Protein backbone atom coordinates (compact mmCIF):
# COMPACT_ATOMS: atom_id res chain seq x y z
CA MET A 1 -5.38 24.73 2.15
CA GLU A 2 -6.88 23.83 5.60
CA TRP A 3 -8.36 20.24 5.05
CA VAL A 4 -4.71 19.07 3.62
CA LYS A 5 -3.44 19.38 7.12
CA GLU A 6 -6.29 18.06 8.39
CA TYR A 7 -6.77 14.77 5.58
CA TRP A 8 -2.95 14.20 4.28
CA TRP A 9 -3.26 10.55 5.22
CA VAL A 10 -6.00 10.49 2.29
CA ILE A 11 -3.62 11.87 -0.05
CA VAL A 12 -0.95 9.20 1.05
CA ILE A 13 -3.40 6.56 0.63
CA LEU A 14 -4.56 7.59 -2.15
CA LEU A 15 -1.17 7.76 -3.59
CA MET A 16 -0.27 4.27 -2.16
CA VAL A 17 -3.11 2.71 -4.10
CA GLY A 18 -1.35 4.37 -7.47
CA VAL A 19 1.73 2.65 -6.70
CA LEU A 20 -0.03 -0.48 -6.00
CA MET A 21 -2.09 -0.52 -8.80
CA ASN A 22 0.82 0.11 -11.22
CA VAL A 23 2.49 -2.33 -9.92
CA TYR A 24 -0.10 -4.92 -10.10
CA LYS A 25 -0.59 -3.41 -13.96
CA ASP A 26 3.05 -4.16 -14.69
CA LEU A 27 3.68 -7.59 -13.72
CA LYS A 28 0.11 -8.85 -15.13
CA ARG A 29 2.15 -7.70 -18.18
CA ILE A 30 4.80 -10.63 -17.18
CA ASP A 31 5.08 -14.15 -19.56
CA HIS A 32 6.56 -15.79 -16.91
CA LYS A 33 5.81 -19.17 -18.84
CA LYS A 34 7.82 -18.16 -22.12
CA TYR A 35 10.66 -16.43 -19.80
CA MET A 36 10.74 -20.20 -18.11
CA ASP A 37 11.12 -21.33 -21.46
CA ASN A 38 14.29 -19.34 -22.63
CA LYS A 39 15.64 -18.95 -18.92
CA PRO A 40 19.45 -18.88 -19.25
CA ASP A 41 21.73 -21.25 -18.44
CA LEU A 42 23.28 -19.98 -14.77
CA PRO A 43 26.86 -20.81 -14.25
CA PRO A 44 28.57 -23.02 -11.72
CA HIS A 45 28.59 -21.40 -8.45
CA ARG A 46 32.27 -21.04 -7.11
CA ASP A 47 32.98 -20.91 -3.69
CA PHE A 48 36.66 -20.59 -2.40
CA ASN A 49 35.22 -20.87 1.58
CA ASP A 50 36.66 -24.46 1.78
CA LYS A 51 40.08 -23.58 1.52
CA TRP A 52 39.29 -21.81 4.73
CA ASP A 53 38.14 -24.91 6.38
CA ASP A 54 41.71 -26.48 6.42
CA ASP A 55 42.89 -23.32 8.45
CA ASP A 56 41.73 -24.12 11.56
CA ASN A 57 43.61 -22.09 14.20
CA TRP A 58 41.26 -22.80 17.21
CA PRO A 59 43.34 -23.67 19.92
CA LYS A 60 42.27 -27.47 20.46
CA LYS A 61 40.19 -28.88 23.15
CA LYS A 62 40.93 -30.90 25.75
């Protein structure tokens, strides 16, 4: 177990490579063309910040 103390960084790198390989494989399975063809419509964005524009409480500059 002495080698674990000296080469812990190798284990971390191998773990990160494994995670990246799994992410790559999962991303390759996604069919983006099929998603774009069947993409759901988003509802219109409702923003109520326009009401705050009328309430200008800043002092008037002279």
